[in-house]
Amino acid sequence: MKPGIHPPYGPVVFRDRAAGFAFLTRSTATSDKTIEWEDGRTYPVIDVEVSSASHPFYTGTARVLDTAGRVERFERRYGKREGR
């Protein structure tokens, strides 16, 4: 890597406020806000709207779409295609 052209890569806390979940990782992202972590050190914190703790796919609350019902509703509204 060329020196001086890459952003600094260091520890950052990502926090999902809706789920009350935070994790410490390394990133090039930075923030002016800080948080004191469990180890007693202070790290920059980035608030995110969705994380694995609040995303429906990971929490098991994802809705199953009724695609057959959608097709039938479309056909009732606009009619079936000819030649099928």
N, C-alpha and C. Protein backbone atom coordinates (compact mmCIF):
# COMPACT_ATOMS: atom_id res chain seq x y z
N MET A 1 0.84 -1.18 0.00
CA MET A 1 0.00 0.00 0.00
C MET A 1 0.89 1.24 0.00
N LYS A 2 0.43 2.25 -0.73
CA LYS A 2 1.15 3.51 -0.73
C LYS A 2 0.88 4.24 0.58
N PRO A 3 1.90 4.79 1.20
CA PRO A 3 1.68 5.51 2.45
C PRO A 3 1.02 6.87 2.19
N GLY A 4 0.12 7.24 3.10
CA GLY A 4 -0.48 8.57 3.06
C GLY A 4 -1.72 8.73 2.19
N ILE A 5 -2.17 7.68 1.48
CA ILE A 5 -3.35 7.85 0.63
C ILE A 5 -4.57 7.11 1.17
N HIS A 6 -4.40 6.27 2.18
CA HIS A 6 -5.50 5.50 2.72
C HIS A 6 -6.02 6.13 4.01
N PRO A 7 -7.34 6.06 4.24
CA PRO A 7 -7.87 6.61 5.49
C PRO A 7 -7.44 5.76 6.68
N PRO A 8 -7.40 6.34 7.86
CA PRO A 8 -7.00 5.57 9.05
C PRO A 8 -8.00 4.46 9.34
N TYR A 9 -7.50 3.31 9.72
CA TYR A 9 -8.31 2.11 9.99
C TYR A 9 -8.16 1.80 11.47
N GLY A 10 -9.25 1.97 12.22
CA GLY A 10 -9.14 1.77 13.66
C GLY A 10 -10.43 1.29 14.28
N PRO A 11 -10.44 1.10 15.59
CA PRO A 11 -11.63 0.60 16.27
C PRO A 11 -12.76 1.63 16.29
N VAL A 12 -13.98 1.15 16.03
CA VAL A 12 -15.19 1.97 16.01
C VAL A 12 -16.33 1.14 16.59
N VAL A 13 -17.22 1.77 17.34
CA VAL A 13 -18.41 1.10 17.86
C VAL A 13 -19.59 1.46 16.97
N PHE A 14 -20.28 0.43 16.46
CA PHE A 14 -21.53 0.63 15.72
C PHE A 14 -22.67 0.31 16.67
N ARG A 15 -23.64 1.23 16.78
CA ARG A 15 -24.73 1.09 17.75
C ARG A 15 -26.07 1.17 17.06
N ASP A 16 -26.91 0.17 17.32
CA ASP A 16 -28.30 0.15 16.84
C ASP A 16 -29.15 0.56 18.02
N ARG A 17 -29.59 1.80 18.02
CA ARG A 17 -30.34 2.32 19.16
C ARG A 17 -31.71 1.70 19.30
N ALA A 18 -32.34 1.30 18.18
CA ALA A 18 -33.67 0.71 18.24
C ALA A 18 -33.64 -0.63 18.95
N ALA A 19 -32.58 -1.40 18.77
CA ALA A 19 -32.49 -2.72 19.37
C ALA A 19 -31.66 -2.72 20.65
N GLY A 20 -31.00 -1.62 20.96
CA GLY A 20 -30.15 -1.58 22.13
C GLY A 20 -28.94 -2.50 21.99
N PHE A 21 -28.37 -2.53 20.79
CA PHE A 21 -27.29 -3.45 20.47
C PHE A 21 -26.11 -2.65 19.94
N ALA A 22 -24.91 -2.98 20.38
CA ALA A 22 -23.71 -2.31 19.91
C ALA A 22 -22.59 -3.33 19.78
N PHE A 23 -21.70 -3.08 18.83
CA PHE A 23 -20.55 -3.96 18.70
C PHE A 23 -19.32 -3.16 18.30
N LEU A 24 -18.18 -3.63 18.76
CA LEU A 24 -16.90 -2.99 18.50
C LEU A 24 -16.22 -3.73 17.35
N THR A 25 -15.80 -2.97 16.36
CA THR A 25 -15.10 -3.54 15.21
C THR A 25 -14.10 -2.53 14.71
N ARG A 26 -13.41 -2.86 13.63
CA ARG A 26 -12.48 -1.92 13.02
C ARG A 26 -13.06 -1.42 11.71
N SER A 27 -12.86 -0.13 11.43
CA SER A 27 -13.44 0.47 10.23
C SER A 27 -12.67 1.73 9.87
N THR A 28 -12.86 2.18 8.63
CA THR A 28 -12.31 3.47 8.23
C THR A 28 -13.31 4.60 8.51
N ALA A 29 -14.55 4.23 8.86
CA ALA A 29 -15.56 5.23 9.21
C ALA A 29 -15.19 5.86 10.55
N THR A 30 -15.55 7.11 10.71
CA THR A 30 -15.25 7.80 11.96
C THR A 30 -16.42 8.69 12.35
N SER A 31 -16.39 9.19 13.56
CA SER A 31 -17.47 10.02 14.07
C SER A 31 -16.92 10.98 15.11
N ASP A 32 -17.64 12.09 15.31
CA ASP A 32 -17.25 13.03 16.35
C ASP A 32 -17.76 12.58 17.71
N LYS A 33 -18.85 11.76 17.71
CA LYS A 33 -19.40 11.26 18.97
C LYS A 33 -18.55 10.10 19.48
N THR A 34 -18.46 9.98 20.79
CA THR A 34 -17.68 8.90 21.39
C THR A 34 -18.52 8.18 22.43
N ILE A 35 -18.06 6.98 22.78
CA ILE A 35 -18.74 6.18 23.80
C ILE A 35 -17.67 5.43 24.59
N GLU A 36 -17.94 5.25 25.88
CA GLU A 36 -17.03 4.45 26.70
C GLU A 36 -17.46 3.00 26.59
N TRP A 37 -16.57 2.15 26.13
CA TRP A 37 -16.88 0.73 25.89
C TRP A 37 -16.67 -0.08 27.16
N GLU A 38 -17.01 -1.34 27.12
CA GLU A 38 -16.95 -2.24 28.28
C GLU A 38 -15.54 -2.38 28.84
N ASP A 39 -14.52 -2.16 28.01
CA ASP A 39 -13.14 -2.29 28.48
C ASP A 39 -12.63 -1.00 29.13
N GLY A 40 -13.49 0.02 29.23
CA GLY A 40 -13.12 1.27 29.87
C GLY A 40 -12.48 2.29 28.95
N ARG A 41 -12.23 1.93 27.70
CA ARG A 41 -11.64 2.85 26.74
C ARG A 41 -12.74 3.59 25.98
N THR A 42 -12.40 4.73 25.41
CA THR A 42 -13.35 5.55 24.66
C THR A 42 -13.10 5.35 23.17
N TYR A 43 -14.20 5.10 22.43
CA TYR A 43 -14.13 4.86 20.99
C TYR A 43 -15.15 5.75 20.27
N PRO A 44 -14.90 6.06 18.99
CA PRO A 44 -15.93 6.76 18.21
C PRO A 44 -17.13 5.84 18.03
N VAL A 45 -18.34 6.41 18.03
CA VAL A 45 -19.56 5.62 17.89
C VAL A 45 -20.34 6.11 16.67
N ILE A 46 -20.85 5.14 15.89
CA ILE A 46 -21.68 5.45 14.73
C ILE A 46 -23.03 4.79 14.94
N ASP A 47 -24.10 5.59 14.92
CA ASP A 47 -25.46 5.07 15.11
C ASP A 47 -25.99 4.60 13.76
N VAL A 48 -26.51 3.38 13.73
CA VAL A 48 -27.09 2.81 12.51
C VAL A 48 -28.57 2.53 12.75
N GLU A 49 -29.34 2.54 11.67
CA GLU A 49 -30.78 2.31 11.80
C GLU A 49 -31.12 0.83 11.85
N VAL A 50 -30.35 0.01 11.15
CA VAL A 50 -30.65 -1.42 11.07
C VAL A 50 -29.37 -2.21 11.29
N SER A 51 -29.45 -3.23 12.12
CA SER A 51 -28.33 -4.14 12.32
C SER A 51 -28.88 -5.56 12.37
N SER A 52 -28.02 -6.52 12.61
CA SER A 52 -28.49 -7.90 12.68
C SER A 52 -29.44 -8.11 13.86
N ALA A 53 -29.41 -7.23 14.84
CA ALA A 53 -30.31 -7.36 16.00
C ALA A 53 -31.71 -6.82 15.71
N SER A 54 -31.87 -6.01 14.66
CA SER A 54 -33.18 -5.43 14.39
C SER A 54 -33.72 -5.73 13.00
N HIS A 55 -32.91 -6.32 12.12
CA HIS A 55 -33.36 -6.61 10.76
C HIS A 55 -34.31 -7.81 10.77
N PRO A 56 -35.47 -7.71 10.09
CA PRO A 56 -36.45 -8.80 10.12
C PRO A 56 -35.91 -10.15 9.64
N PHE A 57 -34.99 -10.16 8.71
CA PHE A 57 -34.46 -11.43 8.23
C PHE A 57 -33.71 -12.16 9.34
N TYR A 58 -32.90 -11.44 10.10
CA TYR A 58 -32.10 -12.07 11.15
C TYR A 58 -32.89 -12.34 12.43
N THR A 59 -33.95 -11.57 12.68
CA THR A 59 -34.72 -11.77 13.90
C THR A 59 -35.83 -12.79 13.73
N GLY A 60 -36.11 -13.20 12.49
CA GLY A 60 -37.15 -14.20 12.24
C GLY A 60 -38.54 -13.61 12.15
N THR A 61 -38.66 -12.31 12.04
CA THR A 61 -39.98 -11.67 11.95
C THR A 61 -40.29 -11.23 10.52
N ALA A 62 -39.56 -11.77 9.56
CA ALA A 62 -39.80 -11.39 8.16
C ALA A 62 -41.17 -11.90 7.72
N ARG A 63 -41.85 -11.10 6.91
CA ARG A 63 -43.16 -11.48 6.40
C ARG A 63 -43.00 -12.31 5.14
N VAL A 64 -43.85 -13.29 4.98
CA VAL A 64 -43.85 -14.10 3.77
C VAL A 64 -44.88 -13.49 2.83
N LEU A 65 -44.46 -13.16 1.61
CA LEU A 65 -45.37 -12.55 0.65
C LEU A 65 -46.19 -13.62 -0.05
N ASP A 66 -47.44 -13.32 -0.27
CA ASP A 66 -48.34 -14.23 -0.95
C ASP A 66 -48.29 -13.89 -2.44
N THR A 67 -47.34 -14.48 -3.15
CA THR A 67 -47.18 -14.13 -4.56
C THR A 67 -48.31 -14.69 -5.40
N ALA A 68 -48.86 -15.85 -5.03
CA ALA A 68 -49.96 -16.41 -5.81
C ALA A 68 -51.18 -15.49 -5.71
N GLY A 69 -51.44 -14.96 -4.54
CA GLY A 69 -52.55 -14.03 -4.37
C GLY A 69 -52.35 -12.76 -5.18
N ARG A 70 -51.13 -12.32 -5.31
CA ARG A 70 -50.85 -11.11 -6.09
C ARG A 70 -51.13 -11.35 -7.56
N VAL A 71 -50.71 -12.51 -8.06
CA VAL A 71 -50.93 -12.83 -9.47
C VAL A 71 -52.43 -12.94 -9.75
N GLU A 72 -53.16 -13.62 -8.88
CA GLU A 72 -54.61 -13.76 -9.07
C GLU A 72 -55.29 -12.40 -9.03
N ARG A 73 -54.89 -11.55 -8.15
CA ARG A 73 -55.48 -10.21 -8.06
C ARG A 73 -55.18 -9.41 -9.33
N PHE A 74 -53.96 -9.53 -9.85
CA PHE A 74 -53.60 -8.86 -11.10
C PHE A 74 -54.46 -9.37 -12.25
N GLU A 75 -54.64 -10.70 -12.33
CA GLU A 75 -55.44 -11.28 -13.40
C GLU A 75 -56.91 -10.89 -13.30
N ARG A 76 -57.44 -10.79 -12.09
CA ARG A 76 -58.83 -10.33 -11.92
C ARG A 76 -58.97 -8.88 -12.37
N ARG A 77 -57.99 -8.08 -12.05
CA ARG A 77 -58.06 -6.66 -12.36
C ARG A 77 -57.85 -6.39 -13.85
N TYR A 78 -56.88 -7.04 -14.48
CA TYR A 78 -56.53 -6.74 -15.86
C TYR A 78 -56.84 -7.86 -16.83
N GLY A 79 -57.31 -9.00 -16.36
CA GLY A 79 -57.63 -10.12 -17.24
C GLY A 79 -56.40 -10.96 -17.55
N LYS A 80 -56.66 -12.19 -17.96
CA LYS A 80 -55.56 -13.09 -18.30
C LYS A 80 -55.05 -12.77 -19.69
N ARG A 81 -53.79 -13.11 -19.93
CA ARG A 81 -53.19 -12.92 -21.25
C ARG A 81 -53.73 -13.98 -22.19
N GLU A 82 -53.93 -13.61 -23.42
CA GLU A 82 -54.38 -14.57 -24.44
C GLU A 82 -53.23 -15.47 -24.84
N GLY A 83 -53.53 -16.72 -25.20
CA GLY A 83 -52.50 -17.64 -25.65
C GLY A 83 -51.87 -18.45 -24.54
N ARG A 84 -52.38 -18.35 -23.38
CA ARG A 84 -51.82 -19.14 -22.26
C ARG A 84 -52.65 -20.34 -21.99
